[in-house]
């Protein structure tokens, strides 16, 4: 009787180990955080002239939501404009592309 119980206990333990092993692997895959990655392509406009120009700059951003990633990408472009052109210029008509990775 003890031998049969030991055999069944060993079989159950092996089955549980294989189940928890696959569950753990699935959990680590599902636990990986996925973020939104966004690119913004914006025109550069001189303030007050109405001249939109043909210059475009591209920026990238990452966030937990699509909107947050888009805002981060636009901030990136605005930083580039400030660094490259200085005061008196701003971004105009931004186009966004986003993907969850």
Protein backbone atom coordinates (compact mmCIF):
# COMPACT_ATOMS: atom_id res chain seq x y z
CA UNK A 1 0.00 0.00 0.00
CA UNK A 2 2.80 2.40 0.91
CA UNK A 3 4.61 1.57 -2.35
CA UNK A 4 1.53 2.38 -4.46
CA UNK A 5 1.02 5.66 -2.60
CA UNK A 6 4.66 6.62 -3.12
CA UNK A 7 4.40 5.86 -6.84
CA UNK A 8 1.26 7.96 -7.19
CA UNK A 9 2.80 10.79 -5.17
CA UNK A 10 5.91 10.79 -7.38
CA UNK A 11 3.79 10.79 -10.53
CA UNK A 12 1.68 13.67 -9.22
CA UNK A 13 4.80 15.63 -8.27
CA UNK A 14 6.26 15.17 -11.76
CA UNK A 15 3.00 16.25 -13.36
CA UNK A 16 2.84 19.36 -11.17
CA UNK A 17 6.44 20.25 -11.98
CA UNK A 18 5.83 20.05 -15.72
CA UNK A 19 2.64 22.11 -15.40
CA UNK A 20 4.26 24.79 -13.28
CA UNK A 21 7.26 24.83 -15.59
CA UNK A 22 5.11 25.67 -18.62
CA UNK A 23 2.99 28.08 -16.61
CA UNK A 24 6.09 29.90 -15.44
CA UNK A 25 7.35 30.21 -19.02
CA UNK A 26 3.99 31.59 -20.14
CA UNK A 27 3.92 34.04 -17.21
CA UNK A 28 7.33 35.47 -18.05
CA UNK A 29 6.24 36.03 -21.66
CA UNK A 30 3.01 37.69 -20.55
CA UNK A 31 4.76 39.68 -17.80
CA UNK A 32 7.05 41.42 -20.29
CA UNK A 33 5.83 45.02 -20.39
CA UNK A 34 4.92 46.20 -23.85
CA UNK A 35 5.38 49.88 -24.59
CA UNK A 36 4.09 52.11 -27.33
CA UNK A 37 6.82 53.43 -29.62
CA UNK A 38 5.95 56.48 -31.66
CA UNK A 39 7.59 58.64 -34.31
CA UNK A 40 6.55 62.20 -35.03
CA UNK A 41 7.36 63.99 -38.29
CA UNK A 42 6.77 67.72 -37.91
CA UNK A 43 7.23 70.75 -40.08
CA UNK A 44 9.18 73.74 -38.74
CA UNK A 45 7.38 77.09 -38.81
CA UNK A 46 8.73 80.56 -38.12
CA UNK A 47 6.34 82.19 -35.65
CA UNK A 48 4.42 85.18 -36.97
CA UNK A 49 5.25 84.79 -40.67
CA UNK A 50 2.73 82.12 -41.64
CA UNK A 51 5.52 80.51 -43.63
CA UNK A 52 5.39 76.79 -42.95
CA UNK A 53 8.52 76.04 -44.96
CA UNK A 54 9.56 72.67 -46.25
CA UNK A 55 11.85 71.69 -43.39
CA UNK A 56 10.73 68.60 -41.47
CA UNK A 57 12.22 66.97 -38.41
CA UNK A 58 11.58 63.51 -37.04
CA UNK A 59 11.50 62.52 -33.38
CA UNK A 60 10.87 59.34 -31.42
CA UNK A 61 9.16 58.61 -28.13
CA UNK A 62 8.16 55.73 -25.88
CA UNK A 63 5.31 55.46 -23.39
CA UNK A 64 2.81 53.22 -21.65
CA UNK A 65 -0.04 54.59 -23.75
CA UNK A 66 -0.29 55.63 -27.38
CA UNK A 67 -0.90 59.27 -26.46
CA UNK A 68 2.00 59.35 -24.02
CA UNK A 69 4.36 57.98 -26.70
CA UNK A 70 3.10 60.54 -29.22
CA UNK A 71 3.62 63.40 -26.78
CA UNK A 72 7.14 62.15 -26.01
CA UNK A 73 7.92 62.05 -29.74
CA UNK A 74 6.60 65.58 -30.23
CA UNK A 75 8.63 66.83 -27.25
CA UNK A 76 11.68 65.25 -28.89
CA UNK A 77 11.02 67.22 -32.10
CA UNK A 78 10.45 70.45 -30.14
CA UNK A 79 13.80 69.97 -28.38
CA UNK A 80 15.47 69.54 -31.79
CA UNK A 81 13.82 72.74 -33.08
CA UNK A 82 14.95 74.69 -30.00
CA UNK A 83 18.49 73.39 -30.35
CA UNK A 84 18.76 73.85 -34.12
CA UNK A 85 16.80 77.10 -34.71
CA UNK A 86 16.57 78.80 -31.32
CA UNK A 87 13.71 81.14 -30.41
CA UNK A 88 11.05 82.15 -32.89
CA UNK A 89 10.36 78.73 -34.39
CA UNK A 90 7.87 75.99 -33.54
CA UNK A 91 6.65 72.64 -34.80
CA UNK A 92 3.74 72.60 -37.20
CA UNK A 93 1.42 69.84 -38.46
CA UNK A 94 2.91 66.73 -36.87
CA UNK A 95 2.21 63.27 -38.29
CA UNK A 96 2.43 60.33 -35.87
CA UNK A 97 3.05 56.64 -36.37
CA UNK A 98 2.76 54.31 -33.40
CA UNK A 99 3.34 50.63 -32.72
CA UNK A 100 3.19 48.48 -29.61
CA UNK A 101 6.37 46.50 -29.01
